[in-house]
Amino acid sequence: MMASISRTVLNSSLLRLSLVRTSTSYTSVAFNSNIKANNKAIQNQYFPVALTGPTTLKLLLSTSKHSKQQLRNYSCLNKPLVSQYTNPNQHNSMAPLKNRRFISSKEITKNMTLYTNTPFKSEVDSNTLEFKQPTGNPLVLMMAWLMAKQKHLKKYAEIYTDLGFDVMVVHITPWQLLWPTKGSQVVAAETLKFLENNKSYAPILVHGFSVGAYEMGEIMLQMSRDMERYTPILDRVICQVWDSAADITEIPIGVPKSIFPKNQSMQNALRNYTLYHLKTFHNQATIHYMRSSQMFHSTLLKQPALFFVSDNDLIGPPSSNQAVRENWERANVKVTFKCWKHSLHAGHFLKHREEYLDILFKHLEDTGVLETIGVKTRAKL
């Protein structure tokens, strides 16, 4: 089977898709409570094919010119967002301007992009990631899904920049997901550095998608090793939103679908490699996914949370998100849970736009976010 796939790929005009750096692509993960059993199940599913590490992975991620258009992000958000909210207190600089469409972006690192509602002019210290001239706005820490394009993440960012937030999008590449110690954990450290050295960013709202839950688990693991140092960051968080959060058990499903959404043969090949990777590189990769999952379930974030899921989502199924919900509620975390029968992974906003916004802003009202940033009244959606 592997030889057949190799011949098919090598006989075509190859388009190299490097996992080392994909500037506009990324994922996200949330996690099942029975971690040890899940990990054993994954290992038992190991597909006995002659796959060999990096060489095979590069081969699987090379595709012909006819497959080039299949490499897309998993959530297609194409409708323009019109600001729905008004503020009677016009003197508040953080209040949203009706129908404001301006949004500025600034790459802070290769894995962090800042969106603001005014041109970003501050110098950024390359070592500390500190802004020399703070914007004075609250912050949304947005954990992106795998292979997400910035033009689609921008649609979500606009929801918040219209309210006066700055939005820091954190994303990881497939390579960084597969090799945590040299990838996702480095990004987690950079994220903490940014939050620690930009203390003016308060309050902080966390909004994560898919594998972004895994990355948040990595961030919290690093926090847990020095709570005295990082508790001030946790205290600045006001609420959290999790959209299509994915579990470790869904990595073999989510990664192939994110990279080859329309090519079933390539999905199958990459899924086989992913299972091989989880079994072979247990100490280098799988054990880190398990620890992140355990941390996400126990969580350092005790602020109210909103979950968006759907019954037909194989990557972030309701069952794994429900397990997180139950653990959090036992820890006295208030959870709001919205499950659609049919929707799109990391695309609920596209599929159920008005309902998504209504539930989201109800969450922001109930948690005091809108009042905190000066938005007292909102129009009907």
Foldseek 3Di string as FASTA:
>chain_A
DLVVLLVVLVVADKDFDDLVADLFWFAQAAAFDVLVVLLVVLLVPQDPDPDDPPVNVRSLRIHHPVQVVQFAAQADADDADFAFFDFPPVVQPQAFDGRQDAKEWDDLDSFKIKIARDHDDFDADNVQRATPDDPLFAEEEEEHRGTHGVVVVVRVQCNRNSRRYMYMYGGWGPVCQLQVVPHLLVSLVSVQSNLLRHVSHAQYEYEYAAHSLLSVLSNVVVCVVPVVSCVSSLVRYQEYEYELHFHPSLVLPRPLCRRRVPDVVSSVSSSSVVSVSCNPPVVRHVVSSSSSNNCSLQDPRQHAYEYEEECPDSGRHPVRVVSSVVSSVVVVRHYHYHYHHDDGRVHNCVVPVLVVVVVVVVVCVVSCNSVVSRRDDGHRD
